[in-house]
Amino acid sequence: MIGYFPHPYKDEVIYSIIARYHHHMRNKSKYYTFEELFSKKVSLNTEYINNVNY
């Protein structure tokens, strides 16, 4: 379980939220960030998920 996750801004895409988390946690690799956040291997592509509030 992670102890910190950034609060999403209005109409912010999930990719941007994860990028801010990665930057704030000062992880050296995106793969380490994905291992922290997700229980299985994932990849984020150019199709950004939006409307996170819903």
PDB file of N, CA and C in Angstrom:
ATOM      1  N   MET A   1       0.843  -1.182   0.000  1.00  0.00           N
ATOM      2  CA  MET A   1       0.000   0.000   0.000  1.00  0.00           C
ATOM      3  C   MET A   1       0.884   1.241   0.000  1.00  0.00           C
ATOM      4  N   ILE A   2       0.530   2.202  -0.840  1.00  0.00           N
ATOM      5  CA  ILE A   2       1.301   3.431  -0.900  1.00  0.00           C
ATOM      6  C   ILE A   2       0.764   4.431   0.117  1.00  0.00           C
ATOM      7  N   GLY A   3       1.632   5.250   0.644  1.00  0.00           N
ATOM      8  CA  GLY A   3       1.233   6.223   1.653  1.00  0.00           C
ATOM      9  C   GLY A   3       0.915   7.588   1.097  1.00  0.00           C
ATOM     10  N   TYR A   4       1.215   7.816  -0.171  1.00  0.00           N
ATOM     11  CA  TYR A   4       1.005   9.126  -0.783  1.00  0.00           C
ATOM     12  C   TYR A   4       0.531   8.936  -2.213  1.00  0.00           C
ATOM     13  N   PHE A   5      -0.412   9.760  -2.621  1.00  0.00           N
ATOM     14  CA  PHE A   5      -0.809   9.838  -4.022  1.00  0.00           C
ATOM     15  C   PHE A   5      -1.332  11.248  -4.251  1.00  0.00           C
ATOM     16  N   PRO A   6      -0.887  11.928  -5.320  1.00  0.00           N
ATOM     17  CA  PRO A   6      -1.305  13.315  -5.540  1.00  0.00           C
ATOM     18  C   PRO A   6      -2.805  13.448  -5.777  1.00  0.00           C
ATOM     19  N   HIS A   7      -3.352  14.530  -5.273  1.00  0.00           N
ATOM     20  CA  HIS A   7      -4.774  14.825  -5.488  1.00  0.00           C
ATOM     21  C   HIS A   7      -4.962  15.280  -6.929  1.00  0.00           C
ATOM     22  N   PRO A   8      -5.887  14.665  -7.660  1.00  0.00           N
ATOM     23  CA  PRO A   8      -6.088  15.051  -9.076  1.00  0.00           C
ATOM     24  C   PRO A   8      -6.633  16.467  -9.199  1.00  0.00           C
ATOM     25  N   TYR A   9      -6.127  17.192 -10.180  1.00  0.00           N
ATOM     26  CA  TYR A   9      -6.671  18.497 -10.522  1.00  0.00           C
ATOM     27  C   TYR A   9      -7.937  18.290 -11.347  1.00  0.00           C
ATOM     28  N   LYS A  10      -8.730  19.329 -11.453  1.00  0.00           N
ATOM     29  CA  LYS A  10      -9.964  19.243 -12.230  1.00  0.00           C
ATOM     30  C   LYS A  10      -9.636  18.894 -13.684  1.00  0.00           C
ATOM     31  N   ASP A  11     -10.286  17.880 -14.206  1.00  0.00           N
ATOM     32  CA  ASP A  11     -10.132  17.416 -15.593  1.00  0.00           C
ATOM     33  C   ASP A  11      -8.711  16.964 -15.934  1.00  0.00           C
ATOM     34  N   GLU A  12      -7.962  16.493 -14.945  1.00  0.00           N
ATOM     35  CA  GLU A  12      -6.608  16.001 -15.197  1.00  0.00           C
ATOM     36  C   GLU A  12      -6.658  14.541 -15.640  1.00  0.00           C
ATOM     37  N   VAL A  13      -5.812  14.189 -16.568  1.00  0.00           N
ATOM     38  CA  VAL A  13      -5.771  12.810 -17.058  1.00  0.00           C
ATOM     39  C   VAL A  13      -4.930  11.949 -16.128  1.00  0.00           C
ATOM     40  N   ILE A  14      -5.195  10.645 -16.107  1.00  0.00           N
ATOM     41  CA  ILE A  14      -4.510   9.718 -15.204  1.00  0.00           C
ATOM     42  C   ILE A  14      -3.013   9.688 -15.488  1.00  0.00           C
ATOM     43  N   TYR A  15      -2.625   9.836 -16.742  1.00  0.00           N
ATOM     44  CA  TYR A  15      -1.212   9.844 -17.103  1.00  0.00           C
ATOM     45  C   TYR A  15      -0.476  10.966 -16.376  1.00  0.00           C
ATOM     46  N   SER A  16      -1.095  12.141 -16.314  1.00  0.00           N
ATOM     47  CA  SER A  16      -0.488  13.290 -15.660  1.00  0.00           C
ATOM     48  C   SER A  16      -0.390  13.078 -14.143  1.00  0.00           C
ATOM     49  N   ILE A  17      -1.399  12.464 -13.560  1.00  0.00           N
ATOM     50  CA  ILE A  17      -1.374  12.190 -12.123  1.00  0.00           C
ATOM     51  C   ILE A  17      -0.233  11.235 -11.792  1.00  0.00           C
ATOM     52  N   ILE A  18      -0.081  10.196 -12.596  1.00  0.00           N
ATOM     53  CA  ILE A  18       0.988   9.224 -12.367  1.00  0.00           C
ATOM     54  C   ILE A  18       2.352   9.871 -12.595  1.00  0.00           C
ATOM     55  N   ALA A  19       2.450  10.762 -13.578  1.00  0.00           N
ATOM     56  CA  ALA A  19       3.712  11.462 -13.826  1.00  0.00           C
ATOM     57  C   ALA A  19       4.081  12.346 -12.644  1.00  0.00           C
ATOM     58  N   ARG A  20       3.108  13.033 -12.050  1.00  0.00           N
ATOM     59  CA  ARG A  20       3.391  13.843 -10.858  1.00  0.00           C
ATOM     60  C   ARG A  20       3.815  12.963  -9.691  1.00  0.00           C
ATOM     61  N   TYR A  21       3.149  11.821  -9.520  1.00  0.00           N
ATOM     62  CA  TYR A  21       3.535  10.883  -8.470  1.00  0.00           C
ATOM     63  C   TYR A  21       4.980  10.436  -8.675  1.00  0.00           C
ATOM     64  N   HIS A  22       5.322  10.075  -9.901  1.00  0.00           N
ATOM     65  CA  HIS A  22       6.667   9.623 -10.239  1.00  0.00           C
ATOM     66  C   HIS A  22       7.697  10.710  -9.895  1.00  0.00           C
ATOM     67  N   HIS A  23       7.391  11.941 -10.242  1.00  0.00           N
ATOM     68  CA  HIS A  23       8.297  13.062  -9.976  1.00  0.00           C
ATOM     69  C   HIS A  23       8.424  13.325  -8.469  1.00  0.00           C
ATOM     70  N   HIS A  24       7.309  13.327  -7.759  1.00  0.00           N
ATOM     71  CA  HIS A  24       7.343  13.601  -6.320  1.00  0.00           C
ATOM     72  C   HIS A  24       8.072  12.507  -5.541  1.00  0.00           C
ATOM     73  N   MET A  25       7.954  11.273  -5.985  1.00  0.00           N
ATOM     74  CA  MET A  25       8.598  10.162  -5.283  1.00  0.00           C
ATOM     75  C   MET A  25      10.061   9.996  -5.699  1.00  0.00           C
ATOM     76  N   ARG A  26      10.483  10.739  -6.714  1.00  0.00           N
ATOM     77  CA  ARG A  26      11.868  10.715  -7.202  1.00  0.00           C
ATOM     78  C   ARG A  26      12.327   9.312  -7.597  1.00  0.00           C
ATOM     79  N   ASN A  27      11.418   8.561  -8.191  1.00  0.00           N
ATOM     80  CA  ASN A  27      11.786   7.232  -8.695  1.00  0.00           C
ATOM     81  C   ASN A  27      12.692   7.390  -9.906  1.00  0.00           C
ATOM     82  N   LYS A  28      13.661   6.501 -10.018  1.00  0.00           N
ATOM     83  CA  LYS A  28      14.608   6.584 -11.126  1.00  0.00           C
ATOM     84  C   LYS A  28      14.059   5.969 -12.404  1.00  0.00           C
ATOM     85  N   SER A  29      13.075   5.086 -12.276  1.00  0.00           N
ATOM     86  CA  SER A  29      12.556   4.388 -13.434  1.00  0.00           C
ATOM     87  C   SER A  29      11.035   4.380 -13.395  1.00  0.00           C
ATOM     88  N   LYS A  30      10.421   4.519 -14.567  1.00  0.00           N
ATOM     89  CA  LYS A  30       8.960   4.442 -14.631  1.00  0.00           C
ATOM     90  C   LYS A  30       8.469   3.040 -14.273  1.00  0.00           C
ATOM     91  N   TYR A  31       9.301   2.050 -14.503  1.00  0.00           N
ATOM     92  CA  TYR A  31       8.912   0.681 -14.181  1.00  0.00           C
ATOM     93  C   TYR A  31       8.776   0.479 -12.673  1.00  0.00           C
ATOM     94  N   TYR A  32       9.638   1.120 -11.899  1.00  0.00           N
ATOM     95  CA  TYR A  32       9.533   1.044 -10.440  1.00  0.00           C
ATOM     96  C   TYR A  32       8.257   1.730  -9.965  1.00  0.00           C
ATOM     97  N   THR A  33       7.916   2.853 -10.596  1.00  0.00           N
ATOM     98  CA  THR A  33       6.673   3.549 -10.254  1.00  0.00           C
ATOM     99  C   THR A  33       5.469   2.671 -10.548  1.00  0.00           C
ATOM    100  N   PHE A  34       5.457   2.013 -11.715  1.00  0.00           N
ATOM    101  CA  PHE A  34       4.347   1.136 -12.062  1.00  0.00           C
ATOM    102  C   PHE A  34       4.244  -0.037 -11.094  1.00  0.00           C
ATOM    103  N   GLU A  35       5.377  -0.569 -10.659  1.00  0.00           N
ATOM    104  CA  GLU A  35       5.349  -1.661  -9.680  1.00  0.00           C
ATOM    105  C   GLU A  35       4.757  -1.199  -8.358  1.00  0.00           C
ATOM    106  N   GLU A  36       5.035   0.048  -7.967  1.00  0.00           N
ATOM    107  CA  GLU A  36       4.470   0.589  -6.728  1.00  0.00           C
ATOM    108  C   GLU A  36       2.959   0.767  -6.818  1.00  0.00           C
ATOM    109  N   LEU A  37       2.484   1.234  -7.975  1.00  0.00           N
ATOM    110  CA  LEU A  37       1.076   1.613  -8.110  1.00  0.00           C
ATOM    111  C   LEU A  37       0.157   0.491  -8.544  1.00  0.00           C
ATOM    112  N   PHE A  38       0.668  -0.460  -9.313  1.00  0.00           N
ATOM    113  CA  PHE A  38      -0.187  -1.492  -9.890  1.00  0.00           C
ATOM    114  C   PHE A  38       0.301  -2.869  -9.471  1.00  0.00           C
ATOM    115  N   SER A  39      -0.640  -3.792  -9.306  1.00  0.00           N
ATOM    116  CA  SER A  39      -0.283  -5.141  -8.874  1.00  0.00           C
ATOM    117  C   SER A  39       0.225  -6.009 -10.018  1.00  0.00           C
ATOM    118  N   LYS A  40       0.030  -5.575 -11.252  1.00  0.00           N
ATOM    119  CA  LYS A  40       0.527  -6.329 -12.406  1.00  0.00           C
ATOM    120  C   LYS A  40       1.186  -5.362 -13.371  1.00  0.00           C
ATOM    121  N   LYS A  41       1.888  -5.879 -14.349  1.00  0.00           N
ATOM    122  CA  LYS A  41       2.563  -5.015 -15.310  1.00  0.00           C
ATOM    123  C   LYS A  41       1.535  -4.327 -16.193  1.00  0.00           C
ATOM    124  N   VAL A  42       1.700  -3.030 -16.341  1.00  0.00           N
ATOM    125  CA  VAL A  42       0.805  -2.233 -17.181  1.00  0.00           C
ATOM    126  C   VAL A  42       1.647  -1.331 -18.056  1.00  0.00           C
ATOM    127  N   SER A  43       1.025  -0.814 -19.073  1.00  0.00           N
ATOM    128  CA  SER A  43       1.682   0.211 -19.880  1.00  0.00           C
ATOM    129  C   SER A  43       0.652   1.288 -20.183  1.00  0.00           C
ATOM    130  N   LEU A  44       1.076   2.522 -20.073  1.00  0.00           N
ATOM    131  CA  LEU A  44       0.208   3.638 -20.415  1.00  0.00           C
ATOM    132  C   LEU A  44       0.605   4.107 -21.798  1.00  0.00           C
ATOM    133  N   ASN A  45      -0.369   4.166 -22.675  1.00  0.00           N
ATOM    134  CA  ASN A  45      -0.061   4.618 -24.025  1.00  0.00           C
ATOM    135  C   ASN A  45      -0.611   6.012 -24.245  1.00  0.00           C
ATOM    136  N   THR A  46      -0.680   6.431 -25.479  1.00  0.00           N
ATOM    137  CA  THR A  46      -1.094   7.803 -25.780  1.00  0.00           C
ATOM    138  C   THR A  46      -2.589   8.028 -25.600  1.00  0.00           C
ATOM    139  N   GLU A  47      -3.363   6.976 -25.382  1.00  0.00           N
ATOM    140  CA  GLU A  47      -4.783   7.155 -25.101  1.00  0.00           C
ATOM    141  C   GLU A  47      -4.936   7.441 -23.615  1.00  0.00           C
ATOM    142  N   TYR A  48      -5.032   8.702 -23.281  1.00  0.00           N
ATOM    143  CA  TYR A  48      -5.111   9.096 -21.880  1.00  0.00           C
ATOM    144  C   TYR A  48      -6.523   8.867 -21.354  1.00  0.00           C
ATOM    145  N   ILE A  49      -6.594   8.436 -20.127  1.00  0.00           N
ATOM    146  CA  ILE A  49      -7.883   8.270 -19.471  1.00  0.00           C
ATOM    147  C   ILE A  49      -8.222   9.605 -18.833  1.00  0.00           C
ATOM    148  N   ASN A  50      -9.416  10.117 -19.102  1.00  0.00           N
ATOM    149  CA  ASN A  50      -9.808  11.384 -18.483  1.00  0.00           C
ATOM    150  C   ASN A  50     -11.096  11.191 -17.689  1.00  0.00           C
ATOM    151  N   ASN A  51     -11.610  12.251 -17.157  1.00  0.00           N
ATOM    152  CA  ASN A  51     -12.794  12.228 -16.284  1.00  0.00           C
ATOM    153  C   ASN A  51     -12.576  11.277 -15.110  1.00  0.00           C
ATOM    154  N   VAL A  52     -11.462  11.465 -14.413  1.00  0.00           N
ATOM    155  CA  VAL A  52     -11.094  10.602 -13.301  1.00  0.00           C
ATOM    156  C   VAL A  52     -12.136  10.672 -12.178  1.00  0.00           C
ATOM    157  N   ASN A  53     -12.795  11.825 -12.034  1.00  0.00           N
ATOM    158  CA  ASN A  53     -13.785  11.974 -10.960  1.00  0.00           C
ATOM    159  C   ASN A  53     -14.946  10.992 -11.113  1.00  0.00           C
ATOM    160  N   TYR A  54     -15.243  10.587 -12.338  1.00  0.00           N
ATOM    161  CA  TYR A  54     -16.343   9.654 -12.559  1.00  0.00           C
ATOM    162  C   TYR A  54     -15.878   8.250 -12.309  1.00  0.00           C
TER     163      TYR A  54
END
